[in-house]
Protein backbone atom coordinates (compact mmCIF):
# COMPACT_ATOMS: atom_id res chain seq x y z
CA UNK A 1 -131.94 61.22 287.77
CA UNK A 2 -130.30 64.44 286.32
CA UNK A 3 -132.59 66.82 284.46
CA UNK A 4 -132.42 66.26 280.69
CA UNK A 5 -132.25 68.74 277.84
CA UNK A 6 -133.01 68.80 274.09
CA UNK A 7 -131.62 71.42 271.74
CA UNK A 8 -133.32 71.84 268.33
CA UNK A 9 -131.16 73.86 265.96
CA UNK A 10 -132.38 75.58 262.83
CA UNK A 11 -130.59 77.63 260.22
CA UNK A 12 -126.86 77.92 259.39
CA UNK A 13 -123.72 76.33 260.65
CA UNK A 14 -123.12 79.41 262.81
CA UNK A 15 -126.29 78.63 264.75
CA UNK A 16 -125.03 75.13 265.28
CA UNK A 17 -121.92 76.51 266.96
CA UNK A 18 -124.15 78.65 269.26
CA UNK A 19 -126.04 75.49 270.13
CA UNK A 20 -122.87 73.65 270.92
CA UNK A 21 -121.81 76.46 273.22
CA UNK A 22 -125.16 76.43 274.88
CA UNK A 23 -124.97 72.66 275.31
CA UNK A 24 -121.60 73.20 277.05
CA UNK A 25 -123.34 75.46 279.73
CA UNK A 26 -126.17 72.97 280.27
CA UNK A 27 -123.68 70.04 280.75
CA UNK A 28 -121.72 72.20 283.22
CA UNK A 29 -125.00 72.81 285.11
CA UNK A 30 -125.37 69.13 285.56
CA UNK A 31 -128.01 68.35 282.83
CA UNK A 32 -127.76 65.37 280.46
CA UNK A 33 -128.94 65.03 276.89
CA UNK A 34 -132.32 63.53 276.33
CA UNK A 35 -133.02 60.78 273.79
CA UNK A 36 -135.51 63.07 272.12
CA UNK A 37 -137.57 66.31 272.70
CA UNK A 38 -140.50 64.32 274.28
CA UNK A 39 -138.16 62.99 277.02
CA UNK A 40 -136.58 66.32 277.89
CA UNK A 41 -137.17 68.49 281.00
CA UNK A 42 -135.85 71.46 279.05
CA UNK A 43 -136.47 71.95 275.36
CA UNK A 44 -134.46 74.72 273.58
CA UNK A 45 -135.21 75.85 270.01
CA UNK A 46 -132.29 77.81 268.46
CA UNK A 47 -134.10 79.64 265.75
CA UNK A 48 -133.21 81.28 262.37
CA UNK A 49 -134.64 84.65 261.23
CA UNK A 50 -132.67 85.33 258.08
CA UNK A 51 -135.62 85.23 255.66
CA UNK A 52 -139.39 84.76 255.86
CA UNK A 53 -139.28 81.04 255.09
CA UNK A 54 -136.75 80.58 257.93
CA UNK A 55 -138.91 82.47 260.35
CA UNK A 56 -141.92 80.45 259.32
CA UNK A 57 -140.00 77.17 259.89
CA UNK A 58 -138.83 78.40 263.29
CA UNK A 59 -142.44 79.19 264.46
CA UNK A 60 -143.74 75.88 263.15
CA UNK A 61 -140.99 74.01 265.00
CA UNK A 62 -141.61 75.92 268.22
CA UNK A 63 -145.33 74.98 268.11
CA UNK A 64 -144.68 71.33 267.20
CA UNK A 65 -142.24 70.96 270.12
CA UNK A 66 -144.62 72.62 272.43
CA UNK A 67 -147.33 70.13 271.55
CA UNK A 68 -144.95 67.21 271.91
CA UNK A 69 -143.20 68.01 275.14
CA UNK A 70 -143.89 66.04 278.24
CA UNK A 71 -145.86 67.40 281.12
CA UNK A 72 -143.99 70.07 283.07
CA UNK A 73 -141.22 70.40 280.54
CA UNK A 74 -139.85 73.99 280.04
CA UNK A 75 -139.72 75.35 276.48
CA UNK A 76 -137.13 78.06 275.63
CA UNK A 77 -136.67 79.94 272.41
CA UNK A 78 -133.31 81.42 271.66
CA UNK A 79 -131.28 82.37 268.55
CA UNK A 80 -131.92 84.94 265.82
CA UNK A 81 -135.73 84.96 266.01
CA UNK A 82 -135.53 85.50 269.76
CA UNK A 83 -133.00 88.32 269.43
CA UNK A 84 -134.79 90.09 266.65
CA UNK A 85 -138.41 89.70 267.65
CA UNK A 86 -138.27 88.98 271.52
CA UNK A 87 -141.34 91.08 272.53
CA UNK A 88 -143.43 89.86 269.56
CA UNK A 89 -142.59 86.29 270.27
CA UNK A 90 -143.36 86.41 273.94
CA UNK A 91 -146.78 87.93 273.12
CA UNK A 92 -147.59 85.62 270.13
CA UNK A 93 -146.49 82.33 271.63
CA UNK A 94 -147.77 81.87 275.17
CA UNK A 95 -146.58 78.30 274.86
CA UNK A 96 -143.04 79.43 275.35
CA UNK A 97 -141.68 79.73 278.88
CA UNK A 98 -138.76 81.92 278.04
CA UNK A 99 -137.58 83.96 275.11
CA UNK A 100 -133.80 84.24 275.38
CA UNK A 101 -131.65 86.37 273.07
CA UNK A 102 -127.99 85.73 272.29
CA UNK A 103 -126.14 84.77 275.45
CA UNK A 104 -129.11 84.92 277.78
CA UNK A 105 -128.76 81.82 280.04
CA UNK A 106 -131.54 79.20 279.68
CA UNK A 107 -132.53 77.23 282.79
CA UNK A 108 -135.15 74.95 284.20
CA UNK A 109 -136.36 77.68 286.51
CA UNK A 110 -137.92 81.05 285.68
CA UNK A 111 -135.85 84.14 285.25
CA UNK A 112 -136.62 87.53 286.87
CA UNK A 113 -134.71 90.81 286.58
CA UNK A 114 -131.49 91.42 284.95
CA UNK A 115 -129.39 88.35 283.99
CA UNK A 116 -125.86 88.86 282.77
CA UNK A 117 -125.35 87.65 279.23
CA UNK A 118 -122.91 84.95 278.35
CA UNK A 119 -120.32 85.44 275.64
CA UNK A 120 -121.32 82.62 273.31
CA UNK A 121 -118.49 83.24 270.98
CA UNK A 122 -115.84 82.24 273.59
CA UNK A 123 -117.69 79.70 275.68
CA UNK A 124 -116.29 76.15 275.84
CA UNK A 125 -118.18 73.41 274.10
CA UNK A 126 -118.25 69.61 274.22
CA UNK A 127 -115.86 67.57 272.02
CA UNK A 128 -117.12 67.07 268.47
CA UNK A 129 -119.70 64.27 268.08
CA UNK A 130 -118.54 63.70 264.49
CA UNK A 131 -115.08 63.59 262.85
CA UNK A 132 -115.65 67.22 261.71
CA UNK A 133 -116.76 70.40 263.55
CA UNK A 134 -117.77 74.03 262.74
CA UNK A 135 -115.70 76.67 264.57
CA UNK A 136 -117.05 80.25 264.56
CA UNK A 137 -114.07 82.63 264.47
CA UNK A 138 -116.04 85.97 264.56
CA UNK A 139 -119.52 87.26 265.26
CA UNK A 140 -121.47 89.91 263.37
CA UNK A 141 -120.74 91.77 260.18
CA UNK A 142 -119.54 95.30 259.10
CA UNK A 143 -120.97 95.08 255.55
CA UNK A 144 -124.12 96.94 254.44
CA UNK A 145 -125.63 94.51 251.92
CA UNK A 146 -128.99 95.79 250.87
CA UNK A 147 -130.96 92.65 251.55
CA UNK A 148 -129.34 91.55 254.82
CA UNK A 149 -130.53 92.26 258.35
CA UNK A 150 -127.92 90.27 260.16
CA UNK A 151 -125.83 93.41 261.23
CA UNK A 152 -128.96 94.71 262.93
CA UNK A 153 -129.31 91.84 265.38
CA UNK A 154 -125.92 90.19 265.34
CA UNK A 155 -124.01 93.50 265.59
CA UNK A 156 -120.73 94.63 264.12
CA UNK A 157 -117.89 92.18 263.44
CA UNK A 158 -116.18 91.01 266.57
CA UNK A 159 -113.16 88.69 265.86
CA UNK A 160 -111.85 86.16 268.41
CA UNK A 161 -108.41 85.89 269.71
CA UNK A 162 -106.34 83.27 267.79
CA UNK A 163 -105.40 81.53 271.07
CA UNK A 164 -109.02 80.94 272.00
CA UNK A 165 -109.79 79.51 268.56
CA UNK A 166 -106.92 77.11 268.68
CA UNK A 167 -107.85 76.07 272.18
CA UNK A 168 -111.31 75.26 270.87
CA UNK A 169 -109.95 73.32 267.90
CA UNK A 170 -107.80 71.20 270.21
CA UNK A 171 -110.64 70.47 272.53
CA UNK A 172 -112.94 69.42 269.68
CA UNK A 173 -110.59 66.56 268.73
CA UNK A 174 -111.93 66.60 265.12
CA UNK A 175 -110.23 65.54 261.83
CA UNK A 176 -111.78 68.36 259.90
CA UNK A 177 -112.39 71.90 261.12
CA UNK A 178 -114.84 74.09 259.10
CA UNK A 179 -114.21 77.77 259.87
CA UNK A 180 -117.35 79.94 259.71
CA UNK A 181 -118.32 83.55 260.32
CA UNK A 182 -120.71 86.03 258.79
CA UNK A 183 -117.85 87.38 256.76
CA UNK A 184 -115.06 84.88 257.21
CA UNK A 185 -112.40 86.45 255.00
CA UNK A 186 -112.67 89.73 257.00
CA UNK A 187 -111.56 87.99 260.16
CA UNK A 188 -109.29 90.25 262.12
CA UNK A 189 -110.06 93.47 260.25
CA UNK A 190 -111.70 94.86 263.47
CA UNK A 191 -108.67 93.81 265.48
CA UNK A 192 -105.48 95.78 264.51
CA UNK A 193 -103.61 93.70 267.13
CA UNK A 194 -104.10 90.55 265.09
CA UNK A 195 -102.16 92.11 262.20
CA UNK A 196 -102.69 92.15 258.44
CA UNK A 197 -103.76 89.04 256.74
CA UNK A 198 -105.21 87.63 259.89
CA UNK A 199 -107.40 85.01 258.10
CA UNK A 200 -104.37 83.65 256.27
CA UNK A 201 -102.40 83.23 259.53
CA UNK A 202 -105.40 81.67 261.22
CA UNK A 203 -105.95 79.12 258.52
CA UNK A 204 -102.27 78.15 258.69
CA UNK A 205 -102.37 77.83 262.49
CA UNK A 206 -105.54 75.68 262.44
CA UNK A 207 -104.05 73.65 259.57
CA UNK A 208 -101.07 72.75 261.86
CA UNK A 209 -103.46 71.16 264.33
CA UNK A 210 -105.86 69.13 262.09
CA UNK A 211 -105.59 67.25 258.81
CA UNK A 212 -108.33 69.31 257.13
CA UNK A 213 -109.37 72.98 257.29
CA UNK A 214 -112.41 74.14 255.26
CA UNK A 215 -113.59 77.68 254.85
CA UNK A 216 -117.23 78.79 254.42
CA UNK A 217 -118.64 82.17 253.42
CA UNK A 218 -115.90 84.13 251.53
CA UNK A 219 -116.79 87.60 250.29
CA UNK A 220 -115.35 87.81 246.76
CA UNK A 221 -113.49 91.06 247.14
CA UNK A 222 -111.48 89.61 250.08
CA UNK A 223 -110.45 86.44 248.16
CA UNK A 224 -106.84 87.60 248.10
CA UNK A 225 -103.84 85.85 246.45
CA UNK A 226 -102.66 85.06 250.05
CA UNK A 227 -105.89 83.49 250.97
CA UNK A 228 -106.00 81.41 247.70
CA UNK A 229 -102.43 80.24 248.44
CA UNK A 230 -103.13 79.08 251.91
CA UNK A 231 -106.26 77.14 250.66
CA UNK A 232 -104.08 75.62 247.97
CA UNK A 233 -101.45 74.58 250.58
CA UNK A 234 -104.08 73.06 252.84
CA UNK A 235 -105.14 70.54 250.26
CA UNK A 236 -108.81 71.32 250.83
CA UNK A 237 -109.43 73.09 247.41
CA UNK A 238 -112.98 74.18 248.26
CA UNK A 239 -114.12 77.79 247.62
CA UNK A 240 -117.42 78.86 249.01
CA UNK A 241 -117.93 82.31 247.47
CA UNK A 242 -120.72 84.71 248.46
CA UNK A 243 -121.66 86.11 245.07
CA UNK A 244 -125.44 86.75 245.23
CA UNK A 245 -125.71 87.82 241.53
CA UNK A 246 -123.58 88.63 238.51
CA UNK A 247 -125.36 91.63 236.98
CA UNK A 248 -123.25 94.69 237.87
CA UNK A 249 -126.20 97.11 238.02
CA UNK A 250 -128.19 94.78 240.21
CA UNK A 251 -125.17 94.05 242.44
CA UNK A 252 -124.80 97.78 243.07
CA UNK A 253 -128.41 97.99 243.95
CA UNK A 254 -127.74 95.11 246.38
CA UNK A 255 -124.80 97.20 247.73
CA UNK A 256 -122.41 94.47 246.71
CA UNK A 257 -118.97 94.38 244.98
CA UNK A 258 -118.06 92.76 241.70
CA UNK A 259 -119.63 91.49 238.58
CA UNK A 260 -119.94 88.34 236.59
CA UNK A 261 -116.84 88.93 234.48
CA UNK A 262 -114.65 89.50 237.51
CA UNK A 263 -116.00 86.44 239.21
CA UNK A 264 -115.30 84.29 236.17
CA UNK A 265 -111.73 85.56 235.87
CA UNK A 266 -110.95 84.79 239.60
CA UNK A 267 -112.53 81.33 239.30
CA UNK A 268 -110.50 80.73 236.12
CA UNK A 269 -107.32 81.78 237.91
CA UNK A 270 -107.96 79.39 240.76
CA UNK A 271 -108.78 76.47 238.36
CA UNK A 272 -105.49 77.09 236.52
CA UNK A 273 -103.67 76.54 239.82
CA UNK A 274 -105.93 73.89 241.28
CA UNK A 275 -107.69 71.91 238.59
CA UNK A 276 -109.45 69.84 241.20
CA UNK A 277 -110.94 72.90 242.97
CA UNK A 278 -114.60 72.71 243.95
CA UNK A 279 -116.76 75.84 244.02
CA UNK A 280 -120.04 76.65 245.80
CA UNK A 281 -122.09 79.90 245.82
CA UNK A 282 -125.51 81.20 246.51
CA UNK A 283 -127.63 83.57 244.50
CA UNK A 284 -130.65 85.83 245.20
CA UNK A 285 -133.45 85.74 242.63
CA UNK A 286 -136.11 88.34 242.25
CA UNK A 287 -134.27 91.23 244.06
CA UNK A 288 -136.20 94.49 243.46
CA UNK A 289 -135.31 95.80 239.97
CA UNK A 290 -134.05 92.54 238.62
CA UNK A 291 -134.89 92.57 234.89
CA UNK A 292 -135.17 89.75 232.46
CA UNK A 293 -131.85 90.77 231.06
CA UNK A 294 -130.33 90.41 234.60
CA UNK A 295 -131.81 86.97 234.92
CA UNK A 296 -130.55 85.96 231.48
CA UNK A 297 -127.00 87.11 232.54
CA UNK A 298 -127.18 84.98 235.62
CA UNK A 299 -128.44 82.00 233.75
CA UNK A 300 -125.66 82.37 231.16
CA UNK A 301 -123.07 82.89 233.87
CA UNK A 302 -124.14 79.63 235.69
CA UNK A 303 -123.56 77.79 232.45
CA UNK A 304 -120.21 79.44 231.83
CA UNK A 305 -118.92 79.04 235.40
CA UNK A 306 -119.82 75.32 235.86
CA UNK A 307 -119.77 75.52 239.62
CA UNK A 308 -119.96 72.35 241.59
CA UNK A 309 -122.73 73.51 243.88
CA UNK A 310 -125.17 76.41 243.87
CA UNK A 311 -128.04 77.59 246.01
CA UNK A 312 -130.77 79.87 244.63
CA UNK A 313 -133.19 81.70 246.93
CA UNK A 314 -136.05 84.09 246.27
CA UNK A 315 -135.57 87.53 247.62
CA UNK A 316 -137.12 88.11 251.02
CA UNK A 317 -137.95 91.73 251.99
CA UNK A 318 -136.48 92.23 255.51
CA UNK A 319 -137.60 95.00 257.70
CA UNK A 320 -134.88 97.56 258.42
CA UNK A 321 -132.86 96.83 255.38
CA UNK A 322 -132.04 99.10 252.42
CA UNK A 323 -133.99 96.77 250.00
CA UNK A 324 -137.13 96.74 252.10
CA UNK A 325 -138.54 99.89 250.53
CA UNK A 326 -137.01 99.63 247.10
CA UNK A 327 -139.22 100.14 244.07
CA UNK A 328 -139.75 97.63 241.17
CA UNK A 329 -140.52 94.51 243.05
CA UNK A 330 -140.45 91.31 241.06
CA UNK A 331 -143.81 89.45 241.14
CA UNK A 332 -143.52 86.19 243.28
CA UNK A 333 -144.78 84.16 240.33
CA UNK A 334 -142.06 85.49 238.08
CA UNK A 335 -139.37 84.95 240.69
CA UNK A 336 -140.50 81.34 241.11
CA UNK A 337 -140.17 80.74 237.35
CA UNK A 338 -136.66 82.22 237.45
CA UNK A 339 -135.73 80.13 240.40
CA UNK A 340 -137.01 76.90 238.72
CA UNK A 341 -135.00 77.72 235.51
CA UNK A 342 -131.74 78.36 237.46
CA UNK A 343 -132.16 75.29 239.63
CA UNK A 344 -132.82 73.00 236.66
CA UNK A 345 -129.69 74.38 234.89
CA UNK A 346 -127.46 73.97 237.86
CA UNK A 347 -128.83 70.44 238.73
CA UNK A 348 -127.74 69.32 235.29
CA UNK A 349 -124.33 70.85 235.75
CA UNK A 350 -123.80 69.27 239.14
CA UNK A 351 -124.98 65.90 238.06
CA UNK A 352 -122.68 65.89 234.98
CA UNK A 353 -119.72 67.04 237.14
CA UNK A 354 -120.33 64.35 239.68
CA UNK A 355 -120.71 61.67 236.98
CA UNK A 356 -117.40 62.78 235.47
CA UNK A 357 -115.66 61.74 238.70
CA UNK A 358 -116.52 58.04 238.10
CA UNK A 359 -113.22 56.19 237.58
CA UNK A 360 -111.12 58.71 239.61
CA UNK A 361 -109.59 58.28 243.01
CA UNK A 362 -109.75 60.64 246.08
CA UNK A 363 -109.09 60.71 249.74
CA UNK A 364 -112.13 60.70 251.99
CA UNK A 365 -112.86 61.35 255.59
CA UNK A 366 -115.30 58.80 256.93
CA UNK A 367 -118.06 60.76 258.74
CA UNK A 368 -120.35 57.88 259.66
CA UNK A 369 -120.64 54.13 258.76
CA UNK A 370 -120.78 54.08 254.95
CA UNK A 371 -120.49 57.84 254.50
CA UNK A 372 -117.45 59.74 253.36
CA UNK A 373 -116.50 63.11 252.01
CA UNK A 374 -113.54 64.38 249.87
CA UNK A 375 -112.42 67.94 249.67
CA UNK A 376 -115.25 68.55 247.24
CA UNK A 377 -118.10 68.02 249.78
CA UNK A 378 -118.77 70.34 252.74
CA UNK A 379 -120.49 68.56 255.61
CA UNK A 380 -124.33 68.85 255.77
CA UNK A 381 -124.36 71.05 252.61
CA UNK A 382 -123.21 69.05 249.68
CA UNK A 383 -123.51 65.55 248.44
CA UNK A 384 -121.68 62.58 250.08
CA UNK A 385 -119.59 59.60 248.90
CA UNK A 386 -121.04 56.16 249.90
CA UNK A 387 -118.06 54.05 251.10
CA UNK A 388 -117.79 50.51 252.43
CA UNK A 389 -119.07 50.11 256.02
CA UNK A 390 -115.75 48.42 257.00
CA UNK A 391 -113.95 51.88 256.86
CA UNK A 392 -113.69 53.10 260.47
CA UNK A 393 -115.51 56.39 261.34
CA UNK A 394 -113.01 59.14 261.78
CA UNK A 395 -110.42 57.56 259.46
CA UNK A 396 -109.07 58.69 256.09
CA UNK A 397 -109.05 56.41 253.18
CA UNK A 398 -108.16 56.47 249.44
CA UNK A 399 -111.21 55.30 247.42
CA UNK A 400 -112.04 54.68 243.81
CA UNK A 401 -115.28 56.42 242.53
CA UNK A 402 -117.42 53.62 241.03
CA UNK A 403 -120.78 55.29 240.54
CA UNK A 404 -122.85 58.49 240.64
CA UNK A 405 -126.48 59.05 241.62
CA UNK A 406 -127.38 62.74 241.39
CA UNK A 407 -125.35 64.65 243.90
CA UNK A 408 -123.95 61.57 245.59
CA UNK A 409 -121.18 59.20 244.62
CA UNK A 410 -120.32 55.55 245.32
CA UNK A 411 -116.82 54.35 245.98
CA UNK A 412 -114.71 51.26 246.71
CA UNK A 413 -111.84 51.37 249.16
CA UNK A 414 -108.30 51.24 247.86
CA UNK A 415 -106.11 51.92 250.89
CA UNK A 416 -105.89 53.75 254.11
CA UNK A 417 -104.20 57.19 254.04
């Protein structure tokens, strides 16, 4: 029987792409996927290290899988935690057989001496297991946001060739492609050979191959008229904007662009062109120096903006970042109060907006039996639309929204698209 592997993926969609690339190398080496981690000969944990909570979850997962693995199974830790804290992990977790940074091959045997790294960004991967798939178009980031350590371990931006991206899209055989990168709208800025407006050309090229193209992680200053137009033409009117806050002084302290008024104007312009546009963003709460006035501005902005989806996260001091040594820390208890207030406000907005869709019709992609998504819902992130089990997985259908329950909707089928 061939050796069996299990890959446990934590963190963001970009990590999921890395796991898919790693899976491609294991399949090429003759391994097969195990039914679960307890059945595997090789257990790989692809970790996240973005904030303290993510690091804690990664370590807890590693220890749980170490305890549950079968006798003789090999445990390998890879991903952001392995890249950022390789020596510390190897010393602190003797249960782990190998700590492998980005692109370091993972195997059933031990590794000694220098091992050439693989280029995860451009490795082949298996066909998509769902009707949708993430495609990473670039690695790293050139920005200097005060709170973010990603450039220190992911490196500067490195954009892929268009041809390699399109080859991957074809091989995935998915109905929806979700383009991701640390700074998606900056795709191609590090590659003069790709020409100006590279992200616009890329979205158009991918859109010629698949019915749906969705974009995640757009820095607001790069949300150009050209990019808005190509999203409008795609039919997937979904805008995932990396805003982080709305107070101008605090944003500058974050080393970020923009302010709440600019953000509202841009959102308003988009809504005037695409009334059905859906918006998502994330915000940091409790950044050093955040005043009660800053918090009130954010709370009022959330009410004014009426975004469909929002994530709120407590500031996490990351070693090596500009914000790590900033003065005026916000007490954890106060940050927690602010988080709760913002989440409650946004939950109400989201629930009302979802309920307002009852009685409307939309086109859905059927992800799994009884589960669909329209342009308003990104996979694994937002709510879903419950559809009849009779709709074939991977098909598109026009449905009528008949009910709402929190973030999720219920629908009846009208016709196939």
